[in-house]
Amino acid sequence: LRHDLKNIVSSIDFYADNSDYENIKVITRKILGQEVFNRKITGCIPID
């Protein structure tokens, strides 16, 4: 996720510079739907 996050942030930055808010929404919704984010409870990996 940390590795992919750099590419994701770069994509969001690119779309933001071009005022392409629709693609920004697509990316953020896709991220929020990923299972790995749903698994975070405390943020402390062993406990989670």
All heavy atoms as atom14 arrays in JSON, in Angstrom:
{
  "sequence": "LRHDLKNIVSSIDFYADNSDYENIKVITRKILGQEVFNRKITGCIPID",
  "atom14_mask": [
    [1, 1, 1, 1, 1, 1, 1, 1, 0, 0, 0, 0, 0, 0],
    [1, 1, 1, 1, 1, 1, 1, 1, 1, 1, 1, 0, 0, 0],
    [1, 1, 1, 1, 1, 1, 1, 1, 1, 1, 0, 0, 0, 0],
    [1, 1, 1, 1, 1, 1, 1, 1, 0, 0, 0, 0, 0, 0],
    [1, 1, 1, 1, 1, 1, 1, 1, 0, 0, 0, 0, 0, 0],
    [1, 1, 1, 1, 1, 1, 1, 1, 1, 0, 0, 0, 0, 0],
    [1, 1, 1, 1, 1, 1, 1, 1, 0, 0, 0, 0, 0, 0],
    [1, 1, 1, 1, 1, 1, 1, 1, 0, 0, 0, 0, 0, 0],
    [1, 1, 1, 1, 1, 1, 1, 0, 0, 0, 0, 0, 0, 0],
    [1, 1, 1, 1, 1, 1, 0, 0, 0, 0, 0, 0, 0, 0],
    [1, 1, 1, 1, 1, 1, 0, 0, 0, 0, 0, 0, 0, 0],
    [1, 1, 1, 1, 1, 1, 1, 1, 0, 0, 0, 0, 0, 0],
    [1, 1, 1, 1, 1, 1, 1, 1, 0, 0, 0, 0, 0, 0],
    [1, 1, 1, 1, 1, 1, 1, 1, 1, 1, 1, 0, 0, 0],
    [1, 1, 1, 1, 1, 1, 1, 1, 1, 1, 1, 1, 0, 0],
    [1, 1, 1, 1, 1, 0, 0, 0, 0, 0, 0, 0, 0, 0],
    [1, 1, 1, 1, 1, 1, 1, 1, 0, 0, 0, 0, 0, 0],
    [1, 1, 1, 1, 1, 1, 1, 1, 0, 0, 0, 0, 0, 0],
    [1, 1, 1, 1, 1, 1, 0, 0, 0, 0, 0, 0, 0, 0],
    [1, 1, 1, 1, 1, 1, 1, 1, 0, 0, 0, 0, 0, 0],
    [1, 1, 1, 1, 1, 1, 1, 1, 1, 1, 1, 1, 0, 0],
    [1, 1, 1, 1, 1, 1, 1, 1, 1, 0, 0, 0, 0, 0],
    [1, 1, 1, 1, 1, 1, 1, 1, 0, 0, 0, 0, 0, 0],
    [1, 1, 1, 1, 1, 1, 1, 1, 0, 0, 0, 0, 0, 0],
    [1, 1, 1, 1, 1, 1, 1, 1, 1, 0, 0, 0, 0, 0],
    [1, 1, 1, 1, 1, 1, 1, 0, 0, 0, 0, 0, 0, 0],
    [1, 1, 1, 1, 1, 1, 1, 1, 0, 0, 0, 0, 0, 0],
    [1, 1, 1, 1, 1, 1, 1, 0, 0, 0, 0, 0, 0, 0],
    [1, 1, 1, 1, 1, 1, 1, 1, 1, 1, 1, 0, 0, 0],
    [1, 1, 1, 1, 1, 1, 1, 1, 1, 0, 0, 0, 0, 0],
    [1, 1, 1, 1, 1, 1, 1, 1, 0, 0, 0, 0, 0, 0],
    [1, 1, 1, 1, 1, 1, 1, 1, 0, 0, 0, 0, 0, 0],
    [1, 1, 1, 1, 0, 0, 0, 0, 0, 0, 0, 0, 0, 0],
    [1, 1, 1, 1, 1, 1, 1, 1, 1, 0, 0, 0, 0, 0],
    [1, 1, 1, 1, 1, 1, 1, 1, 1, 0, 0, 0, 0, 0],
    [1, 1, 1, 1, 1, 1, 1, 0, 0, 0, 0, 0, 0, 0],
    [1, 1, 1, 1, 1, 1, 1, 1, 1, 1, 1, 0, 0, 0],
    [1, 1, 1, 1, 1, 1, 1, 1, 0, 0, 0, 0, 0, 0],
    [1, 1, 1, 1, 1, 1, 1, 1, 1, 1, 1, 0, 0, 0],
    [1, 1, 1, 1, 1, 1, 1, 1, 1, 0, 0, 0, 0, 0],
    [1, 1, 1, 1, 1, 1, 1, 1, 0, 0, 0, 0, 0, 0],
    [1, 1, 1, 1, 1, 1, 1, 0, 0, 0, 0, 0, 0, 0],
    [1, 1, 1, 1, 0, 0, 0, 0, 0, 0, 0, 0, 0, 0],
    [1, 1, 1, 1, 1, 1, 0, 0, 0, 0, 0, 0, 0, 0],
    [1, 1, 1, 1, 1, 1, 1, 1, 0, 0, 0, 0, 0, 0],
    [1, 1, 1, 1, 1, 1, 1, 0, 0, 0, 0, 0, 0, 0],
    [1, 1, 1, 1, 1, 1, 1, 1, 0, 0, 0, 0, 0, 0],
    [1, 1, 1, 1, 1, 1, 1, 1, 0, 0, 0, 0, 0, 0]
  ],
  "atom14_positions": [
    [[0.82, -1.2, 0.0], [0.0, 0.0, 0.0], [0.86, 1.26, 0.0], [0.6, 2.22, -0.72], [-0.93, -0.01, 1.21], [-1.83, 1.22, 1.37], [-2.79, 1.34, 0.19], [-2.61, 1.16, 2.67], [0.0, 0.0, 0.0], [0.0, 0.0, 0.0], [0.0, 0.0, 0.0], [0.0, 0.0, 0.0], [0.0, 0.0, 0.0], [0.0, 0.0, 0.0]],
    [[1.92, 1.25, 0.83], [2.81, 2.41, 0.88], [3.48, 2.65, -0.48], [3.68, 3.79, -0.9], [3.88, 2.2, 1.96], [3.33, 2.36, 3.38], [4.35, 1.91, 4.41], [3.87, 2.09, 5.76], [4.41, 1.5, 6.83], [5.46, 0.69, 6.66], [3.92, 1.71, 8.02], [0.0, 0.0, 0.0], [0.0, 0.0, 0.0], [0.0, 0.0, 0.0]],
    [[3.86, 1.52, -1.13], [4.49, 1.65, -2.45], [3.5, 2.22, -3.47], [3.84, 3.1, -4.27], [4.99, 0.27, -2.9], [5.64, 0.27, -4.24], [4.94, 0.03, -5.41], [6.92, 0.52, -4.62], [5.75, 0.11, -6.43], [6.98, 0.39, -5.99], [0.0, 0.0, 0.0], [0.0, 0.0, 0.0], [0.0, 0.0, 0.0], [0.0, 0.0, 0.0]],
    [[2.27, 1.68, -3.44], [1.26, 2.13, -4.39], [0.8, 3.55, -4.1], [0.35, 4.27, -5.02], [0.05, 1.2, -4.37], [0.38, -0.19, -4.91], [1.44, -0.31, -5.56], [-0.41, -1.12, -4.67], [0.0, 0.0, 0.0], [0.0, 0.0, 0.0], [0.0, 0.0, 0.0], [0.0, 0.0, 0.0], [0.0, 0.0, 0.0], [0.0, 0.0, 0.0]],
    [[0.91, 3.95, -2.84], [0.41, 5.27, -2.44], [1.14, 6.39, -3.18], [0.54, 7.43, -3.51], [0.55, 5.44, -0.93], [-0.26, 6.57, -0.29], [-1.75, 6.38, -0.57], [0.0, 6.64, 1.19], [0.0, 0.0, 0.0], [0.0, 0.0, 0.0], [0.0, 0.0, 0.0], [0.0, 0.0, 0.0], [0.0, 0.0, 0.0], [0.0, 0.0, 0.0]],
    [[2.43, 6.19, -3.43], [3.19, 7.21, -4.15], [2.61, 7.43, -5.55], [2.42, 8.57, -5.99], [4.67, 6.8, -4.25], [5.39, 6.72, -2.91], [6.83, 6.27, -3.11], [7.55, 6.17, -1.77], [8.96, 5.7, -1.93], [0.0, 0.0, 0.0], [0.0, 0.0, 0.0], [0.0, 0.0, 0.0], [0.0, 0.0, 0.0], [0.0, 0.0, 0.0]],
    [[2.31, 6.31, -6.22], [1.73, 6.42, -7.56], [0.33, 7.02, -7.51], [-0.06, 7.8, -8.39], [1.68, 5.04, -8.23], [3.06, 4.46, -8.45], [4.02, 5.2, -8.71], [3.19, 3.14, -8.32], [0.0, 0.0, 0.0], [0.0, 0.0, 0.0], [0.0, 0.0, 0.0], [0.0, 0.0, 0.0], [0.0, 0.0, 0.0], [0.0, 0.0, 0.0]],
    [[-0.43, 6.64, -6.47], [-1.79, 7.16, -6.34], [-1.77, 8.67, -6.11], [-2.53, 9.43, -6.74], [-2.52, 6.45, -5.19], [-2.76, 4.97, -5.54], [-3.85, 7.12, -4.87], [-3.25, 4.13, -4.38], [0.0, 0.0, 0.0], [0.0, 0.0, 0.0], [0.0, 0.0, 0.0], [0.0, 0.0, 0.0], [0.0, 0.0, 0.0], [0.0, 0.0, 0.0]],
    [[-0.88, 9.11, -5.21], [-0.78, 10.55, -4.92], [-0.33, 11.31, -6.16], [-0.82, 12.43, -6.44], [0.18, 10.79, -3.73], [0.46, 12.29, -3.57], [-0.41, 10.23, -2.45], [0.0, 0.0, 0.0], [0.0, 0.0, 0.0], [0.0, 0.0, 0.0], [0.0, 0.0, 0.0], [0.0, 0.0, 0.0], [0.0, 0.0, 0.0], [0.0, 0.0, 0.0]],
    [[0.6, 10.73, -6.91], [1.05, 11.38, -8.16], [-0.1, 11.53, -9.14], [-0.24, 12.59, -9.8], [2.17, 10.56, -8.79], [3.29, 10.49, -7.95], [0.0, 0.0, 0.0], [0.0, 0.0, 0.0], [0.0, 0.0, 0.0], [0.0, 0.0, 0.0], [0.0, 0.0, 0.0], [0.0, 0.0, 0.0], [0.0, 0.0, 0.0], [0.0, 0.0, 0.0]],
    [[-0.94, 10.49, -9.23], [-2.1, 10.55, -10.14], [-3.08, 11.63, -9.7], [-3.59, 12.4, -10.52], [-2.81, 9.2, -10.18], [-1.94, 8.2, -10.67], [0.0, 0.0, 0.0], [0.0, 0.0, 0.0], [0.0, 0.0, 0.0], [0.0, 0.0, 0.0], [0.0, 0.0, 0.0], [0.0, 0.0, 0.0], [0.0, 0.0, 0.0], [0.0, 0.0, 0.0]],
    [[-3.35, 11.69, -8.38], [-4.27, 12.7, -7.85], [-3.71, 14.1, -8.11], [-4.45, 15.02, -8.51], [-4.51, 12.48, -6.35], [-5.3, 11.17, -6.13], [-5.27, 13.65, -5.73], [-5.48, 10.8, -4.67], [0.0, 0.0, 0.0], [0.0, 0.0, 0.0], [0.0, 0.0, 0.0], [0.0, 0.0, 0.0], [0.0, 0.0, 0.0], [0.0, 0.0, 0.0]],
    [[-2.39, 14.25, -7.91], [-1.76, 15.56, -8.14], [-1.89, 15.96, -9.6], [-2.16, 17.14, -9.92], [-0.29, 15.47, -7.73], [0.42, 16.8, -7.88], [0.01, 17.77, -7.2], [1.37, 16.88, -8.69], [0.0, 0.0, 0.0], [0.0, 0.0, 0.0], [0.0, 0.0, 0.0], [0.0, 0.0, 0.0], [0.0, 0.0, 0.0], [0.0, 0.0, 0.0]],
    [[-1.69, 14.99, -10.5], [-1.81, 15.27, -11.93], [-3.23, 15.71, -12.29], [-3.44, 16.7, -12.99], [-1.42, 14.02, -12.74], [-1.68, 14.15, -14.22], [-0.8, 14.86, -15.04], [-2.81, 13.57, -14.79], [-1.05, 14.98, -16.4], [-3.06, 13.69, -16.14], [-2.18, 14.4, -16.96], [0.0, 0.0, 0.0], [0.0, 0.0, 0.0], [0.0, 0.0, 0.0]],
    [[-4.23, 14.96, -11.81], [-5.63, 15.3, -12.11], [-6.03, 16.63, -11.46], [-6.83, 17.39, -12.01], [-6.56, 14.18, -11.65], [-6.47, 12.93, -12.5], [-6.23, 11.69, -11.92], [-6.64, 13.0, -13.89], [-6.14, 10.54, -12.7], [-6.55, 11.86, -14.67], [-6.3, 10.63, -14.08], [-6.21, 9.5, -14.85], [0.0, 0.0, 0.0], [0.0, 0.0, 0.0]],
    [[-5.46, 16.91, -10.3], [-5.78, 18.18, -9.63], [-5.25, 19.37, -10.44], [-5.92, 20.41, -10.56], [-5.2, 18.2, -8.22], [0.0, 0.0, 0.0], [0.0, 0.0, 0.0], [0.0, 0.0, 0.0], [0.0, 0.0, 0.0], [0.0, 0.0, 0.0], [0.0, 0.0, 0.0], [0.0, 0.0, 0.0], [0.0, 0.0, 0.0], [0.0, 0.0, 0.0]],
    [[-4.01, 19.21, -10.98], [-3.44, 20.29, -11.8], [-4.3, 20.56, -13.02], [-4.36, 21.7, -13.52], [-2.01, 19.92, -12.23], [-1.02, 20.02, -11.07], [-1.37, 20.69, -10.06], [0.07, 19.43, -11.15], [0.0, 0.0, 0.0], [0.0, 0.0, 0.0], [0.0, 0.0, 0.0], [0.0, 0.0, 0.0], [0.0, 0.0, 0.0], [0.0, 0.0, 0.0]],
    [[-4.97, 19.53, -13.52], [-5.81, 19.67, -14.7], [-7.29, 19.85, -14.37], [-8.13, 19.75, -15.26], [-5.63, 18.45, -15.62], [-4.24, 18.37, -16.24], [-3.94, 19.03, -17.24], [-3.37, 17.59, -15.62], [0.0, 0.0, 0.0], [0.0, 0.0, 0.0], [0.0, 0.0, 0.0], [0.0, 0.0, 0.0], [0.0, 0.0, 0.0], [0.0, 0.0, 0.0]],
    [[-7.56, 20.03, -13.05], [-8.95, 20.24, -12.59], [-9.87, 19.09, -13.01], [-11.06, 19.3, -13.29], [-9.5, 21.58, -13.12], [-8.69, 22.65, -12.68], [0.0, 0.0, 0.0], [0.0, 0.0, 0.0], [0.0, 0.0, 0.0], [0.0, 0.0, 0.0], [0.0, 0.0, 0.0], [0.0, 0.0, 0.0], [0.0, 0.0, 0.0], [0.0, 0.0, 0.0]],
    [[-9.31, 17.89, -13.09], [-10.11, 16.72, -13.48], [-10.65, 16.05, -12.2], [-10.15, 15.03, -11.73], [-9.23, 15.74, -14.27], [-10.05, 14.62, -14.92], [-11.24, 14.49, -14.57], [-9.49, 13.88, -15.75], [0.0, 0.0, 0.0], [0.0, 0.0, 0.0], [0.0, 0.0, 0.0], [0.0, 0.0, 0.0], [0.0, 0.0, 0.0], [0.0, 0.0, 0.0]],
    [[-11.7, 16.67, -11.64], [-12.22, 16.21, -10.35], [-12.94, 14.86, -10.45], [-13.02, 14.11, -9.46], [-13.15, 17.26, -9.75], [-12.44, 18.59, -9.55], [-12.83, 19.72, -10.27], [-11.38, 18.69, -8.65], [-12.18, 20.94, -10.1], [-10.72, 19.9, -8.48], [-11.12, 21.02, -9.2], [-10.47, 22.2, -9.03], [0.0, 0.0, 0.0], [0.0, 0.0, 0.0]],
    [[-13.46, 14.53, -11.62], [-14.16, 13.26, -11.77], [-13.21, 12.08, -11.58], [-13.52, 11.1, -10.89], [-14.82, 13.18, -13.15], [-16.02, 14.08, -13.32], [-17.11, 13.78, -12.3], [-17.35, 12.56, -12.03], [-17.7, 14.72, -11.75], [0.0, 0.0, 0.0], [0.0, 0.0, 0.0], [0.0, 0.0, 0.0], [0.0, 0.0, 0.0], [0.0, 0.0, 0.0]],
    [[-12.01, 12.17, -12.19], [-11.04, 11.09, -12.02], [-10.49, 11.04, -10.59], [-10.16, 9.95, -10.08], [-9.87, 11.27, -13.0], [-10.18, 10.67, -14.36], [-10.78, 9.6, -14.45], [-9.79, 11.37, -15.42], [0.0, 0.0, 0.0], [0.0, 0.0, 0.0], [0.0, 0.0, 0.0], [0.0, 0.0, 0.0], [0.0, 0.0, 0.0], [0.0, 0.0, 0.0]],
    [[-10.39, 12.2, -9.93], [-9.98, 12.21, -8.52], [-11.0, 11.45, -7.67], [-10.64, 10.65, -6.79], [-9.81, 13.66, -8.01], [-8.63, 14.34, -8.72], [-9.62, 13.68, -6.49], [-8.45, 15.79, -8.35], [0.0, 0.0, 0.0], [0.0, 0.0, 0.0], [0.0, 0.0, 0.0], [0.0, 0.0, 0.0], [0.0, 0.0, 0.0], [0.0, 0.0, 0.0]],
    [[-12.3, 11.69, -7.95], [-13.35, 10.99, -7.21], [-13.28, 9.47, -7.45], [-13.45, 8.67, -6.54], [-14.73, 11.49, -7.63], [-15.05, 12.88, -7.1], [-16.45, 13.29, -7.56], [-16.78, 14.7, -7.06], [-18.14, 15.11, -7.5], [0.0, 0.0, 0.0], [0.0, 0.0, 0.0], [0.0, 0.0, 0.0], [0.0, 0.0, 0.0], [0.0, 0.0, 0.0]],
    [[-13.01, 9.08, -8.7], [-12.9, 7.65, -9.02], [-11.77, 7.0, -8.21], [-11.94, 5.91, -7.64], [-12.67, 7.46, -10.53], [-12.32, 5.99, -10.83], [-13.89, 7.88, -11.32], [0.0, 0.0, 0.0], [0.0, 0.0, 0.0], [0.0, 0.0, 0.0], [0.0, 0.0, 0.0], [0.0, 0.0, 0.0], [0.0, 0.0, 0.0], [0.0, 0.0, 0.0]],
    [[-10.62, 7.68, -8.16], [-9.46, 7.14, -7.44], [-9.75, 7.03, -5.95], [-9.49, 5.99, -5.31], [-8.21, 8.01, -7.69], [-7.78, 7.9, -9.17], [-7.07, 7.58, -6.77], [-6.66, 8.85, -9.53], [0.0, 0.0, 0.0], [0.0, 0.0, 0.0], [0.0, 0.0, 0.0], [0.0, 0.0, 0.0], [0.0, 0.0, 0.0], [0.0, 0.0, 0.0]],
    [[-10.3, 8.09, -5.35], [-10.55, 8.09, -3.9], [-11.6, 7.05, -3.51], [-11.47, 6.38, -2.48], [-10.99, 9.48, -3.42], [-12.12, 9.91, -4.2], [-9.86, 10.49, -3.57], [0.0, 0.0, 0.0], [0.0, 0.0, 0.0], [0.0, 0.0, 0.0], [0.0, 0.0, 0.0], [0.0, 0.0, 0.0], [0.0, 0.0, 0.0], [0.0, 0.0, 0.0]],
    [[-12.64, 6.92, -4.35], [-13.67, 5.91, -4.04], [-13.1, 4.49, -4.15], [-13.48, 3.6, -3.39], [-14.86, 6.09, -4.98], [-15.71, 7.31, -4.63], [-16.74, 7.6, -5.7], [-17.5, 8.8, -5.36], [-18.34, 9.42, -6.2], [-18.52, 8.94, -7.43], [-18.99, 10.48, -5.81], [0.0, 0.0, 0.0], [0.0, 0.0, 0.0], [0.0, 0.0, 0.0]],
    [[-12.23, 4.31, -5.12], [-11.61, 3.0, -5.28], [-10.74, 2.67, -4.07], [-10.74, 1.53, -3.57], [-10.76, 2.99, -6.55], [-10.15, 1.62, -6.86], [-9.38, 1.66, -8.17], [-8.76, 0.3, -8.47], [-7.98, 0.32, -9.72], [0.0, 0.0, 0.0], [0.0, 0.0, 0.0], [0.0, 0.0, 0.0], [0.0, 0.0, 0.0], [0.0, 0.0, 0.0]],
    [[-10.0, 3.67, -3.57], [-9.15, 3.47, -2.39], [-10.0, 3.14, -1.16], [-9.72, 2.2, -0.41], [-8.29, 4.73, -2.11], [-7.26, 4.91, -3.23], [-7.59, 4.6, -0.76], [-6.5, 6.21, -3.15], [0.0, 0.0, 0.0], [0.0, 0.0, 0.0], [0.0, 0.0, 0.0], [0.0, 0.0, 0.0], [0.0, 0.0, 0.0], [0.0, 0.0, 0.0]],
    [[-11.06, 3.91, -0.96], [-11.91, 3.71, 0.22], [-12.6, 2.37, 0.2], [-13.0, 1.84, 1.24], [-12.94, 4.84, 0.32], [-12.36, 6.23, 0.64], [-13.45, 7.29, 0.56], [-11.71, 6.23, 2.01], [0.0, 0.0, 0.0], [0.0, 0.0, 0.0], [0.0, 0.0, 0.0], [0.0, 0.0, 0.0], [0.0, 0.0, 0.0], [0.0, 0.0, 0.0]],
    [[-12.75, 1.78, -0.98], [-13.41, 0.48, -1.06], [-12.47, -0.69, -0.9], [-12.91, -1.83, -0.82], [0.0, 0.0, 0.0], [0.0, 0.0, 0.0], [0.0, 0.0, 0.0], [0.0, 0.0, 0.0], [0.0, 0.0, 0.0], [0.0, 0.0, 0.0], [0.0, 0.0, 0.0], [0.0, 0.0, 0.0], [0.0, 0.0, 0.0], [0.0, 0.0, 0.0]],
    [[-11.17, -0.43, -0.82], [-10.22, -1.52, -0.69], [-10.31, -2.16, 0.69], [-10.46, -1.49, 1.71], [-8.78, -1.02, -0.92], [-8.5, -0.76, -2.39], [-7.05, -0.35, -2.61], [-6.25, -0.39, -1.69], [-6.73, 0.03, -3.83], [0.0, 0.0, 0.0], [0.0, 0.0, 0.0], [0.0, 0.0, 0.0], [0.0, 0.0, 0.0], [0.0, 0.0, 0.0]],
    [[-10.16, -3.5, 0.74], [-10.31, -4.26, 1.98], [-9.25, -3.89, 3.0], [-9.5, -3.88, 4.19], [-10.21, -5.76, 1.67], [-10.48, -6.66, 2.86], [-10.34, -8.11, 2.51], [-10.02, -8.41, 1.35], [-10.54, -8.95, 3.41], [0.0, 0.0, 0.0], [0.0, 0.0, 0.0], [0.0, 0.0, 0.0], [0.0, 0.0, 0.0], [0.0, 0.0, 0.0]],
    [[-8.05, -3.55, 2.52], [-6.97, -3.27, 3.45], [-7.29, -2.07, 4.32], [-6.89, -2.01, 5.48], [-5.63, -3.09, 2.69], [-5.64, -1.82, 1.85], [-4.46, -3.07, 3.67], [0.0, 0.0, 0.0], [0.0, 0.0, 0.0], [0.0, 0.0, 0.0], [0.0, 0.0, 0.0], [0.0, 0.0, 0.0], [0.0, 0.0, 0.0], [0.0, 0.0, 0.0]],
    [[-8.02, -1.07, 3.79], [-8.39, 0.07, 4.61], [-9.48, -0.3, 5.61], [-9.51, 0.2, 6.73], [-8.87, 1.23, 3.73], [-7.74, 2.06, 3.22], [-7.14, 1.76, 2.01], [-7.27, 3.14, 3.95], [-6.1, 2.54, 1.54], [-6.24, 3.92, 3.48], [-5.63, 3.62, 2.26], [0.0, 0.0, 0.0], [0.0, 0.0, 0.0], [0.0, 0.0, 0.0]],
    [[-10.36, -1.19, 5.21], [-11.42, -1.61, 6.12], [-10.89, -2.4, 7.3], [-11.56, -2.53, 8.31], [-12.46, -2.45, 5.36], [-13.23, -1.63, 4.34], [-13.39, -0.43, 4.52], [-13.69, -2.27, 3.27], [0.0, 0.0, 0.0], [0.0, 0.0, 0.0], [0.0, 0.0, 0.0], [0.0, 0.0, 0.0], [0.0, 0.0, 0.0], [0.0, 0.0, 0.0]],
    [[-9.71, -2.95, 7.17], [-9.15, -3.76, 8.24], [-8.54, -2.94, 9.36], [-8.27, -3.45, 10.42], [-8.07, -4.69, 7.67], [-8.62, -5.83, 6.84], [-7.49, -6.71, 6.39], [-7.97, -7.84, 5.62], [-7.16, -8.76, 5.1], [-5.86, -8.64, 5.25], [-7.67, -9.76, 4.41], [0.0, 0.0, 0.0], [0.0, 0.0, 0.0], [0.0, 0.0, 0.0]],
    [[-8.26, -1.68, 9.1], [-7.6, -0.88, 10.13], [-8.57, -0.59, 11.26], [-9.63, -0.01, 11.05], [-7.09, 0.44, 9.53], [-6.23, 1.23, 10.52], [-5.7, 2.5, 9.92], [-6.8, 3.55, 9.82], [-6.28, 4.87, 9.41], [0.0, 0.0, 0.0], [0.0, 0.0, 0.0], [0.0, 0.0, 0.0], [0.0, 0.0, 0.0], [0.0, 0.0, 0.0]],
    [[-8.2, -1.01, 12.48], [-9.05, -0.77, 13.65], [-8.37, 0.21, 14.59], [-8.92, 1.25, 14.94], [-9.35, -2.09, 14.38], [-10.06, -3.06, 13.44], [-10.22, -1.84, 15.62], [-10.31, -4.43, 14.03], [0.0, 0.0, 0.0], [0.0, 0.0, 0.0], [0.0, 0.0, 0.0], [0.0, 0.0, 0.0], [0.0, 0.0, 0.0], [0.0, 0.0, 0.0]],
    [[-7.15, -0.13, 15.01], [-6.39, 0.78, 15.88], [-5.22, 1.42, 15.13], [-4.72, 2.45, 15.54], [-5.82, 0.02, 17.09], [-4.85, -0.93, 16.65], [-6.92, -0.69, 17.86], [0.0, 0.0, 0.0], [0.0, 0.0, 0.0], [0.0, 0.0, 0.0], [0.0, 0.0, 0.0], [0.0, 0.0, 0.0], [0.0, 0.0, 0.0], [0.0, 0.0, 0.0]],
    [[-4.79, 0.77, 14.04], [-3.6, 1.22, 13.33], [-2.36, 0.49, 13.8], [-1.31, 0.56, 13.16], [0.0, 0.0, 0.0], [0.0, 0.0, 0.0], [0.0, 0.0, 0.0], [0.0, 0.0, 0.0], [0.0, 0.0, 0.0], [0.0, 0.0, 0.0], [0.0, 0.0, 0.0], [0.0, 0.0, 0.0], [0.0, 0.0, 0.0], [0.0, 0.0, 0.0]],
    [[-2.46, -0.21, 14.94], [-1.35, -1.01, 15.45], [-1.5, -2.42, 14.87], [-2.44, -3.15, 15.21], [-1.38, -1.04, 16.98], [-0.04, -1.98, 17.72], [0.0, 0.0, 0.0], [0.0, 0.0, 0.0], [0.0, 0.0, 0.0], [0.0, 0.0, 0.0], [0.0, 0.0, 0.0], [0.0, 0.0, 0.0], [0.0, 0.0, 0.0], [0.0, 0.0, 0.0]],
    [[-0.6, -2.79, 13.97], [-0.77, -4.0, 13.17], [-0.95, -5.27, 14.0], [-1.88, -6.05, 13.74], [0.41, -4.16, 12.19], [0.34, -3.06, 11.13], [0.38, -5.53, 11.52], [1.48, -3.09, 10.15], [0.0, 0.0, 0.0], [0.0, 0.0, 0.0], [0.0, 0.0, 0.0], [0.0, 0.0, 0.0], [0.0, 0.0, 0.0], [0.0, 0.0, 0.0]],
    [[-0.11, -5.55, 15.03], [-0.32, -6.79, 15.8], [-1.7, -6.88, 16.44], [-2.35, -7.92, 16.39], [0.79, -6.73, 16.86], [1.84, -5.86, 16.27], [1.09, -4.83, 15.49], [0.0, 0.0, 0.0], [0.0, 0.0, 0.0], [0.0, 0.0, 0.0], [0.0, 0.0, 0.0], [0.0, 0.0, 0.0], [0.0, 0.0, 0.0], [0.0, 0.0, 0.0]],
    [[-2.15, -5.77, 17.02], [-3.47, -5.76, 17.67], [-4.57, -5.91, 16.63], [-5.54, -6.66, 16.81], [-3.65, -4.48, 18.5], [-2.69, -4.51, 19.7], [-5.09, -4.34, 18.98], [-2.73, -3.25, 20.54], [0.0, 0.0, 0.0], [0.0, 0.0, 0.0], [0.0, 0.0, 0.0], [0.0, 0.0, 0.0], [0.0, 0.0, 0.0], [0.0, 0.0, 0.0]],
    [[-4.43, -5.19, 15.53], [-5.44, -5.27, 14.47], [-5.54, -6.68, 13.89], [-6.63, -7.13, 13.52], [-5.1, -4.28, 13.36], [-5.48, -2.85, 13.74], [-6.03, -2.68, 14.83], [-5.23, -1.93, 12.94], [0.0, 0.0, 0.0], [0.0, 0.0, 0.0], [0.0, 0.0, 0.0], [0.0, 0.0, 0.0], [0.0, 0.0, 0.0], [0.0, 0.0, 0.0]]
  ]
}
